[in-house]
Amino acid sequence: MNSKTKLGLGILAFFTLIAVVGEWIAPYDPSAMGDDLLSPPSGAHWFGTTMTGQDVFSQVLVGTRGVMVVGLVCGVLATFLSILVGVTAGFLGGAADEALSMLSNVFLVIPALPLIIIVASMLPSADTVLIAVVISLTAWAWGARVLRAQTMSLRRRDFVEAARASGESTWRIIVFEVLPNLMAVIASGFVGTVIFAVMLQITLSFVGVISLSTWNWGTILFWAQSNQALGLGAWWWFVPAGLCIALLGTALALINFGIDEYANPRLRKVRA
């Protein structure tokens, strides 16, 4: 494991821990209003307060959970669908490949943003998990195409033919022979999907499309922008959430780079 991957995993572990314990260690209720209006960072309010006296530090801590839940649920569900469709299509070939490839192509052209806007308008109380499911339904197709291509290059390899000749069933060959050789591609696709889901959720929250009753970093930026925090000089209102977004994106990118270096023989040779 190289240094980039270690740093990325460390930052990701930190945010995961905050997502778990954030609500417990938050010093204030993130929605509670106070008497300190637009107060800069201080001992009482580490990240300052909003125009209505809400504690920004508490909002950031509590909002971390929504971001991480969307990223994790979307990453797991989209990766599962991409493996199920892509590997099956690439290994079986024939009519199954044609049908599953057509399914992937249909979902590949479905735009995620308009679909989520429609779902949010129909279900104003859509929770975080539902938003993650909708995002994952539009995020799996590209990974399925990549896994299909990689599986097609593996299905005629000698070790696969040997397993087939020994009488192994199709599902055992896929699980024990093909999938282990695809783990680096699957891991890279998972990380990329998490990045996509997190950024899309934050964008939707920032523009006010999804419910603002649940705190996340995009919700903080929405209220800061709506109340003209930049014009008022209240930098502490939006900078912490922006830095958290940048740090999480950097962590996921570093992990992705590390996986790429491990999976790509050319990069391994250059690194050596």
C-alpha atoms as a PDB file:
ATOM      1  CA  MET A   1       0.000   0.000   0.000  1.00  0.00           C
ATOM      2  CA  ASN A   2       1.572   3.282  -1.102  1.00  0.00           C
ATOM      3  CA  SER A   3       1.572   6.571   0.795  1.00  0.00           C
ATOM      4  CA  LYS A   4      -1.212   8.112  -1.296  1.00  0.00           C
ATOM      5  CA  THR A   5      -3.562   5.265  -0.504  1.00  0.00           C
ATOM      6  CA  LYS A   6      -2.706   5.391   3.208  1.00  0.00           C
ATOM      7  CA  LEU A   7      -3.367   9.134   3.364  1.00  0.00           C
ATOM      8  CA  GLY A   8      -6.644   8.760   1.497  1.00  0.00           C
ATOM      9  CA  LEU A   9      -7.800   5.908   3.734  1.00  0.00           C
ATOM     10  CA  GLY A  10      -6.847   7.899   6.825  1.00  0.00           C
ATOM     11  CA  ILE A  11      -8.930  10.917   5.783  1.00  0.00           C
ATOM     12  CA  LEU A  12     -11.825   8.665   4.792  1.00  0.00           C
ATOM     13  CA  ALA A  13     -11.675   6.856   8.135  1.00  0.00           C
ATOM     14  CA  PHE A  14     -11.772  10.215   9.937  1.00  0.00           C
ATOM     15  CA  PHE A  15     -14.930  11.308   8.110  1.00  0.00           C
ATOM     16  CA  THR A  16     -16.494   7.888   8.668  1.00  0.00           C
ATOM     17  CA  LEU A  17     -15.866   8.222  12.393  1.00  0.00           C
ATOM     18  CA  ILE A  18     -17.394  11.711  12.403  1.00  0.00           C
ATOM     19  CA  ALA A  19     -20.419  10.353  10.534  1.00  0.00           C
ATOM     20  CA  VAL A  20     -20.945   7.756  13.271  1.00  0.00           C
ATOM     21  CA  VAL A  21     -20.393   9.924  16.367  1.00  0.00           C
ATOM     22  CA  GLY A  22     -21.133  13.388  14.967  1.00  0.00           C
ATOM     23  CA  GLU A  23     -24.609  13.699  16.453  1.00  0.00           C
ATOM     24  CA  TRP A  24     -23.323  12.627  19.878  1.00  0.00           C
ATOM     25  CA  ILE A  25     -20.362  15.006  20.083  1.00  0.00           C
ATOM     26  CA  ALA A  26     -22.025  18.042  18.508  1.00  0.00           C
ATOM     27  CA  PRO A  27     -22.019  20.774  21.190  1.00  0.00           C
ATOM     28  CA  TYR A  28     -25.363  22.249  20.056  1.00  0.00           C
ATOM     29  CA  ASP A  29     -28.498  21.312  18.193  1.00  0.00           C
ATOM     30  CA  PRO A  30     -27.632  22.297  14.590  1.00  0.00           C
ATOM     31  CA  SER A  31     -31.113  23.712  14.042  1.00  0.00           C
ATOM     32  CA  ALA A  32     -31.379  25.585  17.360  1.00  0.00           C
ATOM     33  CA  MET A  33     -31.256  29.367  17.107  1.00  0.00           C
ATOM     34  CA  GLY A  34     -29.214  31.436  19.552  1.00  0.00           C
ATOM     35  CA  ASP A  35     -28.418  34.993  20.575  1.00  0.00           C
ATOM     36  CA  ASP A  36     -24.938  35.116  18.984  1.00  0.00           C
ATOM     37  CA  LEU A  37     -25.759  36.239  15.451  1.00  0.00           C
ATOM     38  CA  LEU A  38     -23.062  35.952  12.754  1.00  0.00           C
ATOM     39  CA  SER A  39     -20.451  35.462  15.425  1.00  0.00           C
ATOM     40  CA  PRO A  40     -16.943  34.607  14.105  1.00  0.00           C
ATOM     41  CA  PRO A  41     -15.126  31.479  15.367  1.00  0.00           C
ATOM     42  CA  SER A  42     -14.562  31.539  19.115  1.00  0.00           C
ATOM     43  CA  GLY A  43     -14.183  29.231  22.085  1.00  0.00           C
ATOM     44  CA  ALA A  44     -17.962  28.925  22.409  1.00  0.00           C
ATOM     45  CA  HIS A  45     -18.531  28.377  18.694  1.00  0.00           C
ATOM     46  CA  TRP A  46     -15.503  26.851  16.980  1.00  0.00           C
ATOM     47  CA  PHE A  47     -16.772  27.527  13.447  1.00  0.00           C
ATOM     48  CA  GLY A  48     -18.818  30.597  14.315  1.00  0.00           C
ATOM     49  CA  THR A  49     -22.575  31.040  14.003  1.00  0.00           C
ATOM     50  CA  THR A  50     -25.101  31.786  11.288  1.00  0.00           C
ATOM     51  CA  MET A  51     -27.416  34.766  10.863  1.00  0.00           C
ATOM     52  CA  THR A  52     -29.917  33.101  13.179  1.00  0.00           C
ATOM     53  CA  GLY A  53     -27.343  32.058  15.777  1.00  0.00           C
ATOM     54  CA  GLN A  54     -27.030  28.413  14.731  1.00  0.00           C
ATOM     55  CA  ASP A  55     -23.704  26.728  15.483  1.00  0.00           C
ATOM     56  CA  VAL A  56     -21.843  25.968  12.227  1.00  0.00           C
ATOM     57  CA  PHE A  57     -19.540  23.407  13.867  1.00  0.00           C
ATOM     58  CA  SER A  58     -22.541  21.338  14.963  1.00  0.00           C
ATOM     59  CA  GLN A  59     -24.040  21.578  11.487  1.00  0.00           C
ATOM     60  CA  VAL A  60     -20.834  20.278   9.908  1.00  0.00           C
ATOM     61  CA  LEU A  61     -20.576  17.390  12.381  1.00  0.00           C
ATOM     62  CA  VAL A  62     -24.199  16.308  12.012  1.00  0.00           C
ATOM     63  CA  GLY A  63     -24.195  16.863   8.241  1.00  0.00           C
ATOM     64  CA  THR A  64     -21.303  14.465   7.711  1.00  0.00           C
ATOM     65  CA  ARG A  65     -23.547  11.454   8.231  1.00  0.00           C
ATOM     66  CA  GLY A  66     -25.889  12.333   5.360  1.00  0.00           C
ATOM     67  CA  VAL A  67     -22.967  12.736   2.954  1.00  0.00           C
ATOM     68  CA  MET A  68     -21.295   9.471   3.939  1.00  0.00           C
ATOM     69  CA  VAL A  69     -24.543   7.465   3.907  1.00  0.00           C
ATOM     70  CA  VAL A  70     -25.383   8.586   0.382  1.00  0.00           C
ATOM     71  CA  GLY A  71     -21.864   7.819  -0.834  1.00  0.00           C
ATOM     72  CA  LEU A  72     -21.710   4.372   0.791  1.00  0.00           C
ATOM     73  CA  VAL A  73     -25.227   3.211  -0.141  1.00  0.00           C
ATOM     74  CA  CYS A  74     -24.883   4.434  -3.700  1.00  0.00           C
ATOM     75  CA  GLY A  75     -21.392   2.931  -4.051  1.00  0.00           C
ATOM     76  CA  VAL A  76     -22.451  -0.495  -2.769  1.00  0.00           C
ATOM     77  CA  LEU A  77     -25.705  -0.698  -4.739  1.00  0.00           C
ATOM     78  CA  ALA A  78     -24.276   0.642  -8.015  1.00  0.00           C
ATOM     79  CA  THR A  79     -21.220  -1.630  -7.757  1.00  0.00           C
ATOM     80  CA  PHE A  80     -23.418  -4.666  -7.100  1.00  0.00           C
ATOM     81  CA  LEU A  81     -25.568  -3.894 -10.143  1.00  0.00           C
ATOM     82  CA  SER A  82     -22.541  -3.273 -12.351  1.00  0.00           C
ATOM     83  CA  ILE A  83     -20.991  -6.605 -11.308  1.00  0.00           C
ATOM     84  CA  LEU A  84     -24.267  -8.491 -11.770  1.00  0.00           C
ATOM     85  CA  VAL A  85     -24.967  -7.092 -15.229  1.00  0.00           C
ATOM     86  CA  GLY A  86     -21.467  -6.489 -16.575  1.00  0.00           C
ATOM     87  CA  VAL A  87     -19.778  -9.733 -15.525  1.00  0.00           C
ATOM     88  CA  THR A  88     -22.791 -11.844 -16.473  1.00  0.00           C
ATOM     89  CA  ALA A  89     -23.017 -10.254 -19.923  1.00  0.00           C
ATOM     90  CA  GLY A  90     -19.289 -10.535 -20.580  1.00  0.00           C
ATOM     91  CA  PHE A  91     -18.992 -14.162 -19.469  1.00  0.00           C
ATOM     92  CA  LEU A  92     -22.142 -15.639 -20.988  1.00  0.00           C
ATOM     93  CA  GLY A  93     -22.096 -13.784 -24.308  1.00  0.00           C
ATOM     94  CA  GLY A  94     -24.701 -14.471 -26.987  1.00  0.00           C
ATOM     95  CA  ALA A  95     -28.303 -13.411 -26.428  1.00  0.00           C
ATOM     96  CA  ALA A  96     -27.732 -12.724 -22.725  1.00  0.00           C
ATOM     97  CA  ASP A  97     -24.917 -10.340 -23.616  1.00  0.00           C
ATOM     98  CA  GLU A  98     -27.089  -8.528 -26.155  1.00  0.00           C
ATOM     99  CA  ALA A  99     -29.985  -8.136 -23.734  1.00  0.00           C
ATOM    100  CA  LEU A 100     -27.893  -6.986 -20.783  1.00  0.00           C
ATOM    101  CA  SER A 101     -25.824  -4.656 -22.957  1.00  0.00           C
ATOM    102  CA  MET A 102     -29.016  -3.053 -24.239  1.00  0.00           C
ATOM    103  CA  LEU A 103     -30.181  -2.623 -20.630  1.00  0.00           C
ATOM    104  CA  SER A 104     -26.878  -0.951 -19.746  1.00  0.00           C
ATOM    105  CA  ASN A 105     -27.148   1.371 -22.743  1.00  0.00           C
ATOM    106  CA  VAL A 106     -30.655   2.431 -21.713  1.00  0.00           C
ATOM    107  CA  PHE A 107     -29.563   3.339 -18.176  1.00  0.00           C
ATOM    108  CA  LEU A 108     -26.382   4.912 -19.513  1.00  0.00           C
ATOM    109  CA  VAL A 109     -28.330   7.657 -21.282  1.00  0.00           C
ATOM    110  CA  ILE A 110     -30.747   8.382 -18.417  1.00  0.00           C
ATOM    111  CA  PRO A 111     -29.693  11.747 -16.934  1.00  0.00           C
ATOM    112  CA  ALA A 112     -29.339  11.530 -13.164  1.00  0.00           C
ATOM    113  CA  LEU A 113     -30.065  15.156 -12.298  1.00  0.00           C
ATOM    114  CA  PRO A 114     -33.496  15.504 -14.005  1.00  0.00           C
ATOM    115  CA  LEU A 115     -34.582  12.112 -12.653  1.00  0.00           C
ATOM    116  CA  ILE A 116     -33.741  13.070  -9.075  1.00  0.00           C
ATOM    117  CA  ILE A 117     -35.465  16.439  -9.500  1.00  0.00           C
ATOM    118  CA  ILE A 118     -38.620  14.617 -10.618  1.00  0.00           C
ATOM    119  CA  VAL A 119     -38.419  12.159  -7.702  1.00  0.00           C
ATOM    120  CA  ALA A 120     -37.825  14.981  -5.222  1.00  0.00           C
ATOM    121  CA  SER A 121     -40.791  16.937  -6.563  1.00  0.00           C
ATOM    122  CA  MET A 122     -43.057  13.888  -6.343  1.00  0.00           C
ATOM    123  CA  LEU A 123     -41.751  12.908  -2.896  1.00  0.00           C
ATOM    124  CA  PRO A 124     -40.914  16.115  -0.991  1.00  0.00           C
ATOM    125  CA  SER A 125     -40.038  14.081   2.108  1.00  0.00           C
ATOM    126  CA  ALA A 126     -37.588  11.802   0.251  1.00  0.00           C
ATOM    127  CA  ASP A 127     -34.969  10.688   2.753  1.00  0.00           C
ATOM    128  CA  THR A 128     -31.229  10.240   2.300  1.00  0.00           C
ATOM    129  CA  VAL A 129     -31.397   6.519   1.499  1.00  0.00           C
ATOM    130  CA  LEU A 130     -34.035   7.036  -1.209  1.00  0.00           C
ATOM    131  CA  ILE A 131     -31.901   9.728  -2.849  1.00  0.00           C
ATOM    132  CA  ALA A 132     -28.925   7.337  -2.739  1.00  0.00           C
ATOM    133  CA  VAL A 133     -30.977   4.581  -4.387  1.00  0.00           C
ATOM    134  CA  VAL A 134     -32.116   6.900  -7.190  1.00  0.00           C
ATOM    135  CA  ILE A 135     -28.530   8.061  -7.803  1.00  0.00           C
ATOM    136  CA  SER A 136     -27.256   4.476  -7.857  1.00  0.00           C
ATOM    137  CA  LEU A 137     -29.850   3.482 -10.469  1.00  0.00           C
ATOM    138  CA  THR A 138     -28.283   5.986 -12.858  1.00  0.00           C
ATOM    139  CA  ALA A 139     -24.654   5.340 -11.850  1.00  0.00           C
ATOM    140  CA  TRP A 140     -24.141   1.601 -12.400  1.00  0.00           C
ATOM    141  CA  ALA A 141     -24.262   1.388 -16.194  1.00  0.00           C
ATOM    142  CA  TRP A 142     -20.795   2.777 -16.947  1.00  0.00           C
ATOM    143  CA  GLY A 143     -19.167   0.376 -14.484  1.00  0.00           C
ATOM    144  CA  ALA A 144     -21.100  -2.499 -16.046  1.00  0.00           C
ATOM    145  CA  ARG A 145     -19.696  -1.629 -19.481  1.00  0.00           C
ATOM    146  CA  VAL A 146     -16.146  -1.610 -18.135  1.00  0.00           C
ATOM    147  CA  LEU A 147     -16.587  -4.935 -16.309  1.00  0.00           C
ATOM    148  CA  ARG A 148     -18.156  -6.514 -19.392  1.00  0.00           C
ATOM    149  CA  ALA A 149     -15.125  -5.606 -21.480  1.00  0.00           C
ATOM    150  CA  GLN A 150     -12.704  -6.896 -18.839  1.00  0.00           C
ATOM    151  CA  THR A 151     -14.674 -10.129 -18.405  1.00  0.00           C
ATOM    152  CA  MET A 152     -14.667 -10.780 -22.146  1.00  0.00           C
ATOM    153  CA  SER A 153     -10.873 -10.589 -22.077  1.00  0.00           C
ATOM    154  CA  LEU A 154     -10.734 -13.128 -19.228  1.00  0.00           C
ATOM    155  CA  ARG A 155     -13.304 -15.722 -20.218  1.00  0.00           C
ATOM    156  CA  ARG A 156     -10.991 -17.457 -22.724  1.00  0.00           C
ATOM    157  CA  ARG A 157      -7.896 -17.446 -20.549  1.00  0.00           C
ATOM    158  CA  ASP A 158      -6.213 -20.765 -19.801  1.00  0.00           C
ATOM    159  CA  PHE A 159      -7.191 -20.868 -16.126  1.00  0.00           C
ATOM    160  CA  VAL A 160     -10.852 -20.307 -17.005  1.00  0.00           C
ATOM    161  CA  GLU A 161     -10.770 -22.983 -19.708  1.00  0.00           C
ATOM    162  CA  ALA A 162      -9.126 -25.378 -17.241  1.00  0.00           C
ATOM    163  CA  ALA A 163     -11.866 -24.746 -14.687  1.00  0.00           C
ATOM    164  CA  ARG A 164     -14.522 -25.275 -17.358  1.00  0.00           C
ATOM    165  CA  ALA A 165     -12.876 -28.502 -18.519  1.00  0.00           C
ATOM    166  CA  SER A 166     -12.777 -29.824 -14.961  1.00  0.00           C
ATOM    167  CA  GLY A 167     -16.567 -29.543 -14.764  1.00  0.00           C
ATOM    168  CA  GLU A 168     -16.888 -26.423 -12.617  1.00  0.00           C
ATOM    169  CA  SER A 169     -20.284 -24.748 -12.805  1.00  0.00           C
ATOM    170  CA  THR A 170     -20.628 -21.343 -14.432  1.00  0.00           C
ATOM    171  CA  TRP A 171     -21.301 -19.459 -11.218  1.00  0.00           C
ATOM    172  CA  ARG A 172     -18.274 -21.026  -9.493  1.00  0.00           C
ATOM    173  CA  ILE A 173     -16.031 -20.038 -12.391  1.00  0.00           C
ATOM    174  CA  ILE A 174     -17.342 -16.468 -12.236  1.00  0.00           C
ATOM    175  CA  VAL A 175     -17.024 -16.176  -8.455  1.00  0.00           C
ATOM    176  CA  PHE A 176     -13.718 -17.975  -7.896  1.00  0.00           C
ATOM    177  CA  GLU A 177     -11.853 -17.468 -11.171  1.00  0.00           C
ATOM    178  CA  VAL A 178     -13.100 -14.284 -12.845  1.00  0.00           C
ATOM    179  CA  LEU A 179     -14.088 -11.944 -10.005  1.00  0.00           C
ATOM    180  CA  PRO A 180     -10.737 -12.118  -8.137  1.00  0.00           C
ATOM    181  CA  ASN A 181      -9.031 -10.856 -11.298  1.00  0.00           C
ATOM    182  CA  LEU A 182     -11.487  -7.946 -11.482  1.00  0.00           C
ATOM    183  CA  MET A 183     -11.172  -6.716  -7.901  1.00  0.00           C
ATOM    184  CA  ALA A 184      -8.938  -3.746  -8.747  1.00  0.00           C
ATOM    185  CA  VAL A 185     -11.360  -2.579 -11.459  1.00  0.00           C
ATOM    186  CA  ILE A 186     -14.331  -3.113  -9.134  1.00  0.00           C
ATOM    187  CA  ALA A 187     -12.661  -1.174  -6.307  1.00  0.00           C
ATOM    188  CA  SER A 188     -11.792   1.697  -8.627  1.00  0.00           C
ATOM    189  CA  GLY A 189     -15.365   1.803  -9.928  1.00  0.00           C
ATOM    190  CA  PHE A 190     -16.722   1.795  -6.373  1.00  0.00           C
ATOM    191  CA  VAL A 191     -14.578   4.776  -5.388  1.00  0.00           C
ATOM    192  CA  GLY A 192     -15.551   6.659  -8.534  1.00  0.00           C
ATOM    193  CA  THR A 193     -19.238   6.015  -7.867  1.00  0.00           C
ATOM    194  CA  VAL A 194     -18.909   7.282  -4.283  1.00  0.00           C
ATOM    195  CA  ILE A 195     -17.310  10.502  -5.547  1.00  0.00           C
ATOM    196  CA  PHE A 196     -20.105  10.956  -8.096  1.00  0.00           C
ATOM    197  CA  ALA A 197     -22.848  10.309  -5.531  1.00  0.00           C
ATOM    198  CA  VAL A 198     -21.400  12.640  -2.886  1.00  0.00           C
ATOM    199  CA  MET A 199     -20.891  15.515  -5.308  1.00  0.00           C
ATOM    200  CA  LEU A 200     -24.345  15.056  -6.836  1.00  0.00           C
ATOM    201  CA  GLN A 201     -26.057  15.020  -3.438  1.00  0.00           C
ATOM    202  CA  ILE A 202     -24.208  18.148  -2.331  1.00  0.00           C
ATOM    203  CA  THR A 203     -25.114  19.865  -5.599  1.00  0.00           C
ATOM    204  CA  LEU A 204     -28.790  18.952  -5.224  1.00  0.00           C
ATOM    205  CA  SER A 205     -28.813  20.229  -1.649  1.00  0.00           C
ATOM    206  CA  PHE A 206     -27.010  23.428  -2.634  1.00  0.00           C
ATOM    207  CA  VAL A 207     -29.605  24.288  -5.283  1.00  0.00           C
ATOM    208  CA  GLY A 208     -32.448  23.366  -2.909  1.00  0.00           C
ATOM    209  CA  VAL A 209     -33.856  20.466  -4.938  1.00  0.00           C
ATOM    210  CA  ILE A 210     -33.974  17.858  -2.176  1.00  0.00           C
ATOM    211  CA  SER A 211     -35.340  18.284   1.334  1.00  0.00           C
ATOM    212  CA  LEU A 212     -33.523  20.824   3.493  1.00  0.00           C
ATOM    213  CA  SER A 213     -34.834  19.341   6.730  1.00  0.00           C
ATOM    214  CA  THR A 214     -31.856  16.955   6.917  1.00  0.00           C
ATOM    215  CA  TRP A 215     -28.424  18.459   7.465  1.00  0.00           C
ATOM    216  CA  ASN A 216     -25.534  17.818   5.117  1.00  0.00           C
ATOM    217  CA  TRP A 217     -22.704  19.956   3.775  1.00  0.00           C
ATOM    218  CA  GLY A 218     -24.740  21.019   0.764  1.00  0.00           C
ATOM    219  CA  THR A 219     -27.542  22.226   3.031  1.00  0.00           C
ATOM    220  CA  ILE A 220     -25.063  24.416   4.928  1.00  0.00           C
ATOM    221  CA  LEU A 221     -23.872  25.960   1.670  1.00  0.00           C
ATOM    222  CA  PHE A 222     -27.482  26.498   0.560  1.00  0.00           C
ATOM    223  CA  TRP A 223     -28.377  28.523   3.629  1.00  0.00           C
ATOM    224  CA  ALA A 224     -25.096  30.429   3.475  1.00  0.00           C
ATOM    225  CA  GLN A 225     -25.724  31.362  -0.157  1.00  0.00           C
ATOM    226  CA  SER A 226     -29.392  32.188   0.455  1.00  0.00           C
ATOM    227  CA  ASN A 227     -28.476  34.592   3.262  1.00  0.00           C
ATOM    228  CA  GLN A 228     -25.589  36.193   1.307  1.00  0.00           C
ATOM    229  CA  ALA A 229     -22.886  35.048   3.709  1.00  0.00           C
ATOM    230  CA  LEU A 230     -20.159  35.992   1.229  1.00  0.00           C
ATOM    231  CA  GLY A 231     -21.465  39.544   0.900  1.00  0.00           C
ATOM    232  CA  LEU A 232     -21.704  39.871   4.670  1.00  0.00           C
ATOM    233  CA  GLY A 233     -18.120  38.673   5.115  1.00  0.00           C
ATOM    234  CA  ALA A 234     -19.244  35.625   7.113  1.00  0.00           C
ATOM    235  CA  TRP A 235     -16.616  33.330   5.614  1.00  0.00           C
ATOM    236  CA  TRP A 236     -16.886  30.915   8.527  1.00  0.00           C
ATOM    237  CA  TRP A 237     -20.405  30.036   7.426  1.00  0.00           C
ATOM    238  CA  PHE A 238     -19.358  28.331   4.165  1.00  0.00           C
ATOM    239  CA  VAL A 239     -15.592  27.717   4.313  1.00  0.00           C
ATOM    240  CA  PRO A 240     -15.675  24.712   6.769  1.00  0.00           C
ATOM    241  CA  ALA A 241     -18.242  22.823   4.675  1.00  0.00           C
ATOM    242  CA  GLY A 242     -16.315  23.639   1.507  1.00  0.00           C
ATOM    243  CA  LEU A 243     -13.081  22.379   3.032  1.00  0.00           C
ATOM    244  CA  CYS A 244     -14.762  19.148   4.138  1.00  0.00           C
ATOM    245  CA  ILE A 245     -16.024  18.562   0.591  1.00  0.00           C
ATOM    246  CA  ALA A 246     -12.541  19.208  -0.803  1.00  0.00           C
ATOM    247  CA  LEU A 247     -10.885  16.908   1.764  1.00  0.00           C
ATOM    248  CA  LEU A 248     -13.321  14.055   1.158  1.00  0.00           C
ATOM    249  CA  GLY A 249     -12.943  14.387  -2.601  1.00  0.00           C
ATOM    250  CA  THR A 250      -9.157  14.429  -2.227  1.00  0.00           C
ATOM    251  CA  ALA A 251      -9.220  11.319  -0.041  1.00  0.00           C
ATOM    252  CA  LEU A 252     -11.316   9.373  -2.528  1.00  0.00           C
ATOM    253  CA  ALA A 253      -9.143  10.553  -5.423  1.00  0.00           C
ATOM    254  CA  LEU A 254      -5.969   9.444  -3.604  1.00  0.00           C
ATOM    255  CA  ILE A 255      -7.481   6.012  -2.967  1.00  0.00           C
ATOM    256  CA  ASN A 256      -8.430   5.781  -6.631  1.00  0.00           C
ATOM    257  CA  PHE A 257      -4.892   6.723  -7.692  1.00  0.00           C
ATOM    258  CA  GLY A 258      -3.476   4.074  -5.371  1.00  0.00           C
ATOM    259  CA  ILE A 259      -5.770   1.395  -6.802  1.00  0.00           C
ATOM    260  CA  ASP A 260      -4.814   2.436 -10.319  1.00  0.00           C
ATOM    261  CA  GLU A 261      -1.108   2.168  -9.518  1.00  0.00           C
ATOM    262  CA  TYR A 262      -1.644  -1.289  -8.062  1.00  0.00           C
ATOM    263  CA  ALA A 263      -3.768  -2.548 -10.957  1.00  0.00           C
ATOM    264  CA  ASN A 264      -1.818  -0.979 -13.833  1.00  0.00           C
ATOM    265  CA  PRO A 265       1.452  -2.877 -14.536  1.00  0.00           C
ATOM    266  CA  ARG A 266       2.912   0.140 -16.345  1.00  0.00           C
ATOM    267  CA  LEU A 267       2.391   2.406 -13.329  1.00  0.00           C
ATOM    268  CA  ARG A 268       3.888  -0.249 -11.043  1.00  0.00           C
ATOM    269  CA  LYS A 269       6.978  -0.395 -13.243  1.00  0.00           C
ATOM    270  CA  VAL A 270       7.358   3.410 -13.313  1.00  0.00           C
ATOM    271  CA  ARG A 271       6.903   3.607  -9.533  1.00  0.00           C
ATOM    272  CA  ALA A 272       9.546   0.921  -9.007  1.00  0.00           C
END
